[in-house]
Structures are given as C-alpha cells and as structure tokens.
C-alpha cells in the first residue's frame, strides 16, 4: 500500500500502524499541505488588466471581438480597464460577448461619452467580476483632452460589513505625442488625478491605470504621479526609471506598437514604447487586507525579446505563445498590462450548481503525472486547474476525456474546476512527485 493511500485510509478508517520515520515525514508534509490548503481558501485574488483597445469596436474596419475574447479568456481578469472605447454599442459587445460566461459573473460600469472635449469622443471604461467586487460609486474628472474616469469598488467578502476593503480605480488616457506642449498637457492631466486624491477616504486603496503616453520617467507627468508629497503616494510596480522610448534596456515592459508597418489605424514601428501603466497606492504593497502580488506585473504578450518588432515575429517566442500573440496583433496596436492583488479576507460563498452527473478524477484525488475525468454522453467540458492562490495553471476549452499531463507541476494542493453549460464543480486534489 502506498504511503499516500495509508494516510487516507488511516484517516477514513481510524486505524493505526507502525510507520518509518521517512514515511512519518511525508505524512506530516501532506497533513500540513491539507491544512494550508484549507486556510488558502480564505484568500481572495484579483486579476487586473488595462488595455488600450484602439478605437473599439469599429476603428480598424473589421470585427475584432473574437480576437479580444481570446485575449481576455486567456487571462480571466477580475477588473478589466479599457481605453479608446467608441460607443455604448461597443461597451455592450464587450460585456455581452467578449466577457460572456455561463454564470454571468461580469458587470459593467455606466458608459458615457467624453465630457472634457467636443472633438475627442473616445472614452475609458471598466468591467468587473461581480462575484468578487461591488461597484459602489462612479464619476469622472474633467481633464484636458479626455475625462479621467473614477470608480469605487468594495471587495465582496465575509468581513465586508465589519472591515470593508475599498478600491478607488481611476482610468485615464493622457495626451499623445512628444514635444513640450504635449508633455505639459500630460502633466496637467496627471495633476487632475493627484488633486482628486485629497477626496479619497483614509484607508482606501487606489489603482491608476491606462495609456499615459509617457516616453521617460523624467517627464513632468510621471514626476507628478510619483510625487511623495501627494495626498496618497502612488508607486510604480515596475520601479525602473529611465528613458523608456526606443531603448532595448526596457524591451520587456514596452507595450506599443504590436505592428511594424502601420496604416491609417494601427500605429507601426514595432514594440519600442512603454505607454501603458498600472500604478498602485503605497499601502497596497504591504497591507494584508489587499496587497500587490510580487512580480505579477507584466506586459501581456511581451516575452521580452521583441524590440522594434511586430508581436507576431517568430523571434518573439516564449511564455506567450504564437496563437495569443496573433490575437493581440489583430486586436490593437497596444499590449495589455496586468497584475494581481490578494486579500487575506474570506470570499463570499458562491452558489455552485452541480451537473446531474458528479465528476470525479479517474486517478483519484492524489495524482502524479496525469489527470482525467470521464465525460458522459461525449459532452465537451471546460476544465481549468488552479493553485491554492487562485492562479490559473491550465485551461482546456473543449475537454472530452483525454489524459492531461501534469507531471511538470510542483507537489501541493490544486483545484480542478469543471464547467459544462450552466453547471460547475470544483474538485480538490493533491499533486505528488
């Protein structure tokens, strides 16, 4: 009998046996993992994505919703912040098609047209996972060229009534292009944001995201955003000062342009600018009720080897695969930026609707190299494997029963999420070496 089977049977049948010291160490390790796993269920993770969608939905002259849906589904953001949204119909398309899920977990803020300028209609917008976030306030700030949109969220947790966690989210699109006049306009827009920070209640967390069109860290706008004398001190998770524009030293954080050859819509030139940002309030780097997950900030789709190239270039290979980079290329001339936040509070219980057939892992709940379940009636399932932090490690869109290799995963506790039409099931399992 395997020691892992011995552990399960001893717990189930309450019998005692002689075991070696080595086996005792293993048993203790797995008992600890189980305890840690149950404690980790009490955490809530938030995935953030900020994306300039490039005159969405009609700006390129062809439909991009399927490309955007692929990008979004590959990351599953809980907070999706966008720039260059053209219309209410475009907003509806994102909510009802791009973000459509069987459980309708996503909701949208209110769309309104730009109030800061009569000639610039492009607007910012947010979409959010309503199972984790509650939108409790929304407004906008009049700025130069474009509004700065402001949304206040509250974490949906079991502790929300006694110790609520609030997040004030600002989304902006600063004036583009180089030159002193444009730099000064960006500075003035940044100051509209920093002035409003005096209105934020003490204890609130702040996220400031969007397309800032900054070329270097010494620009007046960036200096204004990073000013430690501001009412709320903001920090850049990247924390790499320098001249970002056309500088290979920063190629891993460049977010524009995905195209080399531009046209009337897509800007060309290849990846050589860091225009897109997510900034966080200083307390969000240490507060247990909501904190930044170290090293989670990334330019989504940029493998760090694509300087002055199109994102589809074969030499730009790496963790972000060819298919994803192709969809990013067809969606926008920007790349999204992403990061994760984590709270030690307990998520609200979400109603789980089980299928008529309860799925089980064929290999049992302690597995080594392969994992599979047996779909009935040849139904196609959607499988996702997540770790105890809620991070997605595997996504299989149309699963029909084949064995999935998981030998590369580290030992520990994981969750298999099984979705079929409007039914869901979460199966907990242990991966052993």
Protein backbone atom coordinates (compact mmCIF):
# COMPACT_ATOMS: atom_id res chain seq x y z
CA UNK A 1 0.00 0.00 0.00
CA UNK A 2 1.34 3.45 -0.91
CA UNK A 3 2.00 5.82 1.98
CA UNK A 4 -0.49 8.29 0.45
CA UNK A 5 -3.18 5.60 0.45
CA UNK A 6 -2.19 4.74 4.00
CA UNK A 7 -2.78 8.35 5.04
CA UNK A 8 -6.26 8.44 3.50
CA UNK A 9 -7.29 5.02 4.82
CA UNK A 10 -5.95 5.71 8.29
CA UNK A 11 -7.98 8.90 8.44
CA UNK A 12 -11.07 7.26 6.95
CA UNK A 13 -10.99 4.03 8.95
CA UNK A 14 -9.22 5.33 12.08
CA UNK A 15 -6.64 2.55 12.31
CA UNK A 16 -3.04 2.81 13.46
CA UNK A 17 0.06 1.17 12.03
CA UNK A 18 3.81 1.19 12.51
CA UNK A 19 5.49 3.57 10.07
CA UNK A 20 9.08 4.51 9.35
CA UNK A 21 10.49 7.91 10.21
CA UNK A 22 10.73 8.73 6.50
CA UNK A 23 7.08 7.89 5.95
CA UNK A 24 6.19 9.93 9.02
CA UNK A 25 7.89 12.96 7.49
CA UNK A 26 5.88 12.51 4.31
CA UNK A 27 2.65 12.07 6.21
CA UNK A 28 3.34 15.22 8.20
CA UNK A 29 4.15 17.12 4.99
CA UNK A 30 0.86 16.17 3.36
CA UNK A 31 -1.14 16.86 6.51
CA UNK A 32 0.45 20.32 6.56
CA UNK A 33 -0.42 20.85 2.90
CA UNK A 34 -4.03 19.95 3.60
CA UNK A 35 -4.20 22.42 6.47
CA UNK A 36 -2.57 25.14 4.40
CA UNK A 37 -4.94 24.39 1.57
CA UNK A 38 -7.98 24.94 3.75
CA UNK A 39 -6.51 28.17 5.05
CA UNK A 40 -5.81 29.37 1.50
CA UNK A 41 -9.46 29.06 0.61
CA UNK A 42 -9.86 32.11 2.87
CA UNK A 43 -7.97 34.32 0.43
CA UNK A 44 -9.29 36.31 -2.47
CA UNK A 45 -7.23 37.11 -5.56
CA UNK A 46 -7.93 39.88 -8.06
CA UNK A 47 -6.51 39.90 -11.57
CA UNK A 48 -6.26 43.35 -13.17
CA UNK A 49 -5.87 44.09 -16.88
CA UNK A 50 -5.52 47.53 -18.50
CA UNK A 51 -5.84 47.66 -22.29
CA UNK A 52 -5.97 50.38 -24.96
CA UNK A 53 -8.41 48.77 -27.42
CA UNK A 54 -7.68 51.13 -30.34
CA UNK A 55 -10.95 52.81 -31.39
CA UNK A 56 -13.07 49.85 -30.35
CA UNK A 57 -15.12 48.41 -31.98
CA UNK A 58 -15.06 49.98 -35.48
CA UNK A 59 -11.70 51.72 -35.75
CA UNK A 60 -9.87 49.10 -37.77
CA UNK A 61 -12.64 48.46 -40.28
CA UNK A 62 -13.12 44.81 -39.30
CA UNK A 63 -14.60 42.94 -36.35
CA UNK A 64 -12.16 42.32 -33.51
CA UNK A 65 -14.46 40.87 -30.88
CA UNK A 66 -13.31 37.25 -31.35
CA UNK A 67 -9.65 38.30 -31.02
CA UNK A 68 -10.38 40.33 -27.89
CA UNK A 69 -12.40 37.47 -26.41
CA UNK A 70 -9.46 35.10 -26.82
CA UNK A 71 -7.09 37.56 -25.13
CA UNK A 72 -9.44 38.16 -22.20
CA UNK A 73 -10.27 34.47 -21.75
CA UNK A 74 -6.58 33.61 -21.63
CA UNK A 75 -6.14 35.79 -18.51
CA UNK A 76 -9.61 35.97 -16.85
CA UNK A 77 -9.31 39.47 -15.38
CA UNK A 78 -11.47 40.37 -12.40
CA UNK A 79 -11.07 44.04 -13.24
CA UNK A 80 -10.86 44.92 -16.95
CA UNK A 81 -9.94 48.58 -17.57
CA UNK A 82 -10.02 49.85 -21.15
CA UNK A 83 -9.19 52.94 -23.20
CA UNK A 84 -10.44 54.10 -26.61
CA UNK A 85 -13.96 52.77 -26.36
CA UNK A 86 -16.10 54.42 -29.01
CA UNK A 87 -19.72 53.84 -28.07
CA UNK A 88 -22.39 52.26 -25.89
CA UNK A 89 -22.80 49.51 -28.50
CA UNK A 90 -19.09 48.75 -28.24
CA UNK A 91 -19.38 48.58 -24.47
CA UNK A 92 -22.35 46.22 -24.77
CA UNK A 93 -20.38 43.99 -27.14
CA UNK A 94 -17.55 43.68 -24.62
CA UNK A 95 -19.91 42.82 -21.78
CA UNK A 96 -22.29 40.51 -23.64
CA UNK A 97 -19.84 38.73 -25.97
CA UNK A 98 -16.19 39.26 -25.03
CA UNK A 99 -16.80 38.77 -21.28
CA UNK A 100 -19.73 36.35 -21.54
CA UNK A 101 -19.53 33.44 -19.09
CA UNK A 102 -22.04 30.71 -18.19
CA UNK A 103 -22.52 32.22 -14.73
CA UNK A 104 -22.69 35.84 -15.96
CA UNK A 105 -20.05 36.89 -13.48
CA UNK A 106 -19.11 40.13 -15.25
CA UNK A 107 -20.82 43.50 -14.94
CA UNK A 108 -20.10 46.91 -16.44
CA UNK A 109 -19.96 50.45 -15.13
CA UNK A 110 -22.03 53.15 -16.84
CA UNK A 111 -20.78 54.24 -20.23
CA UNK A 112 -20.85 57.94 -21.04
CA UNK A 113 -19.25 59.96 -23.79
CA UNK A 114 -16.21 62.14 -23.18
CA UNK A 115 -17.16 65.40 -21.45
CA UNK A 116 -13.73 67.03 -21.48
CA UNK A 117 -13.61 67.76 -25.20
CA UNK A 118 -16.08 68.26 -28.04
CA UNK A 119 -13.75 66.77 -30.66
CA UNK A 120 -12.49 63.66 -28.84
CA UNK A 121 -15.18 61.02 -28.25
CA UNK A 122 -13.01 58.10 -27.17
CA UNK A 123 -13.73 57.05 -23.61
CA UNK A 124 -12.46 54.84 -20.78
CA UNK A 125 -14.50 52.09 -19.13
CA UNK A 126 -14.30 49.29 -16.56
CA UNK A 127 -15.80 45.80 -16.35
CA UNK A 128 -15.59 43.70 -13.21
CA UNK A 129 -16.20 40.28 -11.71
CA UNK A 130 -19.34 40.90 -9.64
CA UNK A 131 -18.68 37.75 -7.60
CA UNK A 132 -15.61 39.47 -6.11
CA UNK A 133 -16.29 43.20 -6.48
CA UNK A 134 -19.20 45.52 -5.80
CA UNK A 135 -19.33 48.85 -7.64
CA UNK A 136 -20.39 51.43 -5.04
CA UNK A 137 -19.63 54.69 -6.86
CA UNK A 138 -18.68 56.08 -10.25
CA UNK A 139 -17.94 59.52 -11.62
CA UNK A 140 -15.44 61.25 -13.89
CA UNK A 141 -12.99 64.13 -13.66
CA UNK A 142 -12.85 66.82 -16.31
CA UNK A 143 -9.33 66.97 -17.69
CA UNK A 144 -7.53 68.17 -20.78
CA UNK A 145 -8.45 66.24 -23.95
CA UNK A 146 -10.17 63.29 -22.17
CA UNK A 147 -12.02 62.52 -18.95
CA UNK A 148 -10.37 60.62 -16.12
CA UNK A 149 -12.90 58.00 -15.05
CA UNK A 150 -13.21 57.19 -11.34
CA UNK A 151 -14.85 54.07 -9.91
CA UNK A 152 -15.10 52.94 -6.29
CA UNK A 153 -15.30 49.22 -5.56
CA UNK A 154 -15.76 47.21 -2.39
CA UNK A 155 -14.45 43.67 -2.02
CA UNK A 156 -17.24 41.12 -1.66
CA UNK A 157 -16.01 39.24 1.40
CA UNK A 158 -17.46 37.75 4.55
CA UNK A 159 -15.79 40.53 6.56
CA UNK A 160 -17.18 43.35 4.38
CA UNK A 161 -19.72 44.56 6.93
CA UNK A 162 -17.19 44.93 9.75
CA UNK A 163 -13.89 45.64 7.96
CA UNK A 164 -14.70 46.64 4.36
CA UNK A 165 -11.96 46.92 1.75
CA UNK A 166 -12.43 49.76 -0.76
CA UNK A 167 -10.56 50.25 -4.03
CA UNK A 168 -10.71 53.55 -5.92
CA UNK A 169 -9.94 52.84 -9.57
CA UNK A 170 -9.03 55.63 -11.98
CA UNK A 171 -8.64 55.03 -15.72
CA UNK A 172 -7.08 57.67 -17.98
CA UNK A 173 -5.76 58.26 -21.48
CA UNK A 174 -3.22 61.10 -21.48
CA UNK A 175 -2.39 63.37 -24.42
CA UNK A 176 -0.20 61.65 -27.01
CA UNK A 177 2.96 62.65 -28.92
CA UNK A 178 6.23 64.29 -27.97
CA UNK A 179 7.13 67.93 -27.53
CA UNK A 180 6.99 70.34 -24.61
CA UNK A 181 3.35 71.35 -25.11
CA UNK A 182 2.14 67.73 -25.10
CA UNK A 183 4.31 66.90 -22.09
CA UNK A 184 2.83 69.84 -20.21
CA UNK A 185 -0.69 68.70 -21.10
CA UNK A 186 0.08 65.25 -19.74
CA UNK A 187 1.40 66.87 -16.56
CA UNK A 188 -1.80 68.89 -16.20
CA UNK A 189 -3.91 65.73 -16.65
CA UNK A 190 -1.81 63.94 -14.04
CA UNK A 191 -2.39 66.82 -11.63
CA UNK A 192 -6.17 66.50 -12.07
CA UNK A 193 -5.76 62.96 -10.73
CA UNK A 194 -3.38 63.82 -7.89
CA UNK A 195 -5.60 66.73 -6.79
CA UNK A 196 -8.54 64.36 -6.52
CA UNK A 197 -6.60 62.09 -4.18
CA UNK A 198 -7.37 64.57 -1.39
CA UNK A 199 -11.00 63.42 -1.67
CA UNK A 200 -10.25 59.73 -1.12
CA UNK A 201 -11.14 58.47 2.37
CA UNK A 202 -8.33 57.27 4.58
CA UNK A 203 -7.67 53.57 4.20
CA UNK A 204 -8.92 53.24 0.63
CA UNK A 205 -6.63 51.58 -1.89
CA UNK A 206 -6.02 53.34 -5.21
CA UNK A 207 -5.38 51.96 -8.69
CA UNK A 208 -4.48 54.31 -11.54
CA UNK A 209 -4.33 52.68 -14.97
CA UNK A 210 -4.44 53.49 -18.64
CA UNK A 211 -2.47 54.75 -21.61
CA UNK A 212 -0.27 57.53 -20.23
CA UNK A 213 1.80 58.11 -23.42
CA UNK A 214 4.96 58.67 -21.37
CA UNK A 215 8.37 58.46 -23.01
CA UNK A 216 10.61 58.62 -19.93
CA UNK A 217 10.49 58.69 -16.15
CA UNK A 218 11.70 62.31 -16.03
CA UNK A 219 8.58 63.56 -17.82
CA UNK A 220 6.67 66.10 -15.71
CA UNK A 221 3.52 63.89 -15.69
CA UNK A 222 5.37 60.88 -14.27
CA UNK A 223 7.11 63.04 -11.70
CA UNK A 224 3.73 64.44 -10.64
CA UNK A 225 2.29 60.93 -10.29
CA UNK A 226 5.25 59.74 -8.22
CA UNK A 227 5.47 62.83 -6.01
CA UNK A 228 5.74 61.63 -2.40
CA UNK A 229 4.04 64.83 -1.23
CA UNK A 230 0.73 63.81 -2.84
CA UNK A 231 -2.24 63.15 -0.58
CA UNK A 232 -1.88 59.44 -1.42
CA UNK A 233 1.55 58.27 -2.51
CA UNK A 234 1.47 56.19 -5.69
CA UNK A 235 4.06 53.62 -6.71
CA UNK A 236 5.03 52.01 -9.98
CA UNK A 237 5.33 48.20 -9.55
CA UNK A 238 7.99 48.14 -12.28
CA UNK A 239 10.12 50.76 -10.47
CA UNK A 240 12.62 51.19 -13.32
CA UNK A 241 13.46 54.80 -14.04
CA UNK A 242 14.97 55.77 -17.36
CA UNK A 243 14.37 56.75 -20.95
CA UNK A 244 11.86 54.07 -21.96
CA UNK A 245 11.35 55.13 -25.58
CA UNK A 246 13.25 53.14 -28.22
CA UNK A 247 15.56 51.69 -25.57
CA UNK A 248 16.25 47.95 -25.66
CA UNK A 249 17.08 48.00 -21.94
CA UNK A 250 13.32 48.30 -21.33
CA UNK A 251 12.10 45.97 -24.08
CA UNK A 252 10.35 43.68 -21.58
CA UNK A 253 8.00 46.50 -20.47
CA UNK A 254 7.28 48.01 -23.89
CA UNK A 255 3.56 47.89 -24.71
CA UNK A 256 3.29 49.73 -28.04
CA UNK A 257 3.33 49.06 -31.01
CA UNK A 258 2.36 45.49 -31.86
CA UNK A 259 2.77 46.32 -35.59
CA UNK A 260 5.83 47.24 -37.63
CA UNK A 261 4.00 48.52 -40.69
CA UNK A 262 1.32 50.98 -39.65
CA UNK A 263 -1.71 52.18 -41.60
CA UNK A 264 -4.50 54.67 -41.04
CA UNK A 265 -5.48 52.79 -37.88
CA UNK A 266 -2.62 50.73 -36.48
CA UNK A 267 0.47 52.65 -35.46
CA UNK A 268 3.62 50.96 -36.73
CA UNK A 269 7.23 50.88 -35.61
CA UNK A 270 7.29 47.72 -33.52
CA UNK A 271 7.50 47.41 -29.73
CA UNK A 272 9.54 50.35 -28.50
CA UNK A 273 7.39 52.39 -26.08
CA UNK A 274 6.13 51.98 -22.53
CA UNK A 275 2.83 53.83 -22.83
CA UNK A 276 0.55 51.63 -20.69
CA UNK A 277 0.63 51.57 -16.89
CA UNK A 278 -1.00 50.31 -13.71
CA UNK A 279 0.06 52.28 -10.64
CA UNK A 280 -0.89 51.39 -7.06
CA UNK A 281 -1.14 53.33 -3.81
CA UNK A 282 1.79 52.79 -1.48
CA UNK A 283 -0.19 50.87 1.14
CA UNK A 284 -1.24 48.31 -1.47
CA UNK A 285 2.27 46.92 -1.40
CA UNK A 286 2.05 45.81 2.21
CA UNK A 287 -1.50 45.85 3.62
CA UNK A 288 -2.75 42.31 4.40
CA UNK A 289 -6.36 43.19 3.51
CA UNK A 290 -5.19 43.98 -0.05
CA UNK A 291 -1.68 43.80 -1.39
CA UNK A 292 0.24 43.52 -4.64
CA UNK A 293 1.40 40.01 -5.53
CA UNK A 294 5.13 40.32 -6.02
CA UNK A 295 6.37 40.00 -9.63
CA UNK A 296 2.83 39.67 -11.01
CA UNK A 297 3.10 42.84 -13.13
CA UNK A 298 3.59 42.02 -16.81
CA UNK A 299 3.08 43.38 -20.29
CA UNK A 300 0.78 40.64 -21.52
CA UNK A 301 2.13 39.06 -24.71
CA UNK A 302 5.62 40.56 -24.47
CA UNK A 303 8.25 37.86 -23.98
CA UNK A 304 10.99 40.46 -23.53
CA UNK A 305 12.67 39.76 -26.88
CA UNK A 306 10.61 41.77 -29.36
CA UNK A 307 12.36 45.13 -29.51
CA UNK A 308 11.25 47.12 -32.57
CA UNK A 309 9.46 44.06 -33.98
CA UNK A 310 5.86 43.04 -34.57
CA UNK A 311 4.47 40.93 -31.74
CA UNK A 312 3.88 38.13 -34.26
CA UNK A 313 7.55 37.90 -35.24
CA UNK A 314 8.82 34.31 -34.85
CA UNK A 315 11.83 35.53 -32.83
CA UNK A 316 9.46 36.93 -30.18
CA UNK A 317 8.64 33.44 -28.87
CA UNK A 318 8.48 32.45 -25.24
CA UNK A 319 5.91 32.03 -22.48
CA UNK A 320 3.28 33.92 -24.50
CA UNK A 321 2.61 31.60 -27.43
CA UNK A 322 2.12 32.28 -31.14
CA UNK A 323 -1.67 31.96 -31.04
CA UNK A 324 -2.09 34.51 -28.26
CA UNK A 325 0.31 36.93 -29.91
CA UNK A 326 -1.63 36.62 -33.15
CA UNK A 327 -4.86 37.60 -31.42
CA UNK A 328 -3.12 40.51 -29.70
CA UNK A 329 -1.81 41.68 -33.08
CA UNK A 330 -5.33 41.69 -34.54
CA UNK A 331 -6.93 43.39 -31.53
CA UNK A 332 -4.87 46.54 -31.04
CA UNK A 333 -1.52 48.25 -31.56
CA UNK A 334 -1.08 48.20 -27.77
CA UNK A 335 -0.50 45.27 -25.42
CA UNK A 336 -2.39 44.93 -22.13
CA UNK A 337 -0.63 45.34 -18.80
CA UNK A 338 -1.64 43.03 -15.96
CA UNK A 339 -1.00 42.45 -12.28
CA UNK A 340 -2.54 40.62 -9.32
CA UNK A 341 -3.77 41.74 -5.93
CA UNK A 342 -4.51 39.49 -2.97
CA UNK A 343 -6.57 39.88 0.19
CA UNK A 344 -6.48 37.83 3.38
CA UNK A 345 -10.24 38.22 3.75
CA UNK A 346 -12.68 35.39 3.05
CA UNK A 347 -14.60 35.35 -0.25
CA UNK A 348 -18.36 35.22 -0.15
CA UNK A 349 -19.65 31.74 -0.85
CA UNK A 350 -20.77 31.48 -4.46
CA UNK A 351 -23.67 29.23 -5.32
CA UNK A 352 -22.24 26.21 -7.12
CA UNK A 353 -24.59 24.41 -9.45
CA UNK A 354 -23.62 20.80 -9.96
CA UNK A 355 -24.35 18.77 -13.03
CA UNK A 356 -26.68 15.79 -12.81
CA UNK A 357 -23.52 13.71 -13.04
CA UNK A 358 -20.93 14.50 -10.35
CA UNK A 359 -17.49 14.33 -11.96
CA UNK A 360 -14.59 12.57 -10.29
CA UNK A 361 -10.91 12.37 -11.13
CA UNK A 362 -10.23 8.94 -12.65
CA UNK A 363 -6.83 8.70 -11.00
CA UNK A 364 -8.19 9.59 -7.55
CA UNK A 365 -7.52 12.76 -5.59
CA UNK A 366 -3.79 12.14 -5.22
CA UNK A 367 -2.14 12.15 -8.63
CA UNK A 368 1.34 12.07 -10.03
CA UNK A 369 1.70 12.62 -13.79
CA UNK A 370 -1.74 12.53 -15.41
CA UNK A 371 -5.23 13.69 -14.60
CA UNK A 372 -8.51 12.90 -16.36
CA UNK A 373 -12.24 12.69 -15.80
CA UNK A 374 -14.85 10.75 -17.77
CA UNK A 375 -17.40 12.98 -19.50
CA UNK A 376 -20.71 11.26 -20.17
CA UNK A 377 -22.60 11.34 -23.44
CA UNK A 378 -19.48 12.74 -25.14
CA UNK A 379 -20.17 16.17 -23.68
CA UNK A 380 -17.44 18.79 -24.12
CA UNK A 381 -16.32 20.26 -20.81
CA UNK A 382 -14.28 23.30 -19.88
CA UNK A 383 -11.50 22.35 -17.45
CA UNK A 384 -9.28 24.71 -15.50
CA UNK A 385 -6.58 23.86 -12.95
CA UNK A 386 -5.80 26.48 -10.29
CA UNK A 387 -3.32 26.56 -7.45
CA UNK A 388 -4.22 27.47 -3.88
CA UNK A 389 -3.64 31.17 -4.67
CA UNK A 390 -6.31 31.05 -7.35
CA UNK A 391 -3.77 31.36 -10.17
CA UNK A 392 -4.76 29.51 -13.33
CA UNK A 393 -2.18 26.96 -14.48
CA UNK A 394 -4.12 25.16 -17.21
CA UNK A 395 -7.17 25.93 -19.36
CA UNK A 396 -8.73 23.28 -21.61
CA UNK A 397 -11.69 24.73 -23.51
CA UNK A 398 -13.18 21.57 -25.05
CA UNK A 399 -12.28 18.56 -22.97
CA UNK A 400 -13.64 15.15 -24.00
CA UNK A 401 -11.87 12.72 -21.65
CA UNK A 402 -8.23 12.62 -22.72
CA UNK A 403 -5.46 12.34 -20.14
CA UNK A 404 -3.76 15.64 -19.29
CA UNK A 405 -0.07 15.62 -18.35
CA UNK A 406 0.57 17.48 -15.07
CA UNK A 407 3.94 15.96 -14.20
CA UNK A 408 5.57 19.37 -14.51
CA UNK A 409 3.50 20.80 -11.65
CA UNK A 410 5.08 21.09 -8.21
CA UNK A 411 3.77 18.98 -5.36
CA UNK A 412 0.96 20.65 -3.49
CA UNK A 413 -2.79 21.23 -3.41
CA UNK A 414 -4.70 22.21 -6.54
CA UNK A 415 -8.28 22.66 -7.69
CA UNK A 416 -9.86 21.26 -10.85
CA UNK A 417 -12.74 23.48 -12.00
CA UNK A 418 -15.19 21.61 -14.27
CA UNK A 419 -17.70 23.68 -16.28
CA UNK A 420 -20.46 22.35 -18.52
CA UNK A 421 -23.10 24.74 -19.86
CA UNK A 422 -24.57 26.27 -16.69
CA UNK A 423 -23.12 23.71 -14.29
CA UNK A 424 -19.95 23.90 -12.22
CA UNK A 425 -17.94 21.68 -9.96
CA UNK A 426 -14.67 22.20 -8.12
CA UNK A 427 -12.60 19.12 -7.29
CA UNK A 428 -9.71 19.39 -4.86
CA UNK A 429 -6.64 17.19 -5.45
CA UNK A 430 -3.06 16.72 -4.30
CA UNK A 431 -0.15 16.53 -6.74
CA UNK A 432 2.71 14.36 -5.50
CA UNK A 433 6.19 13.95 -7.03
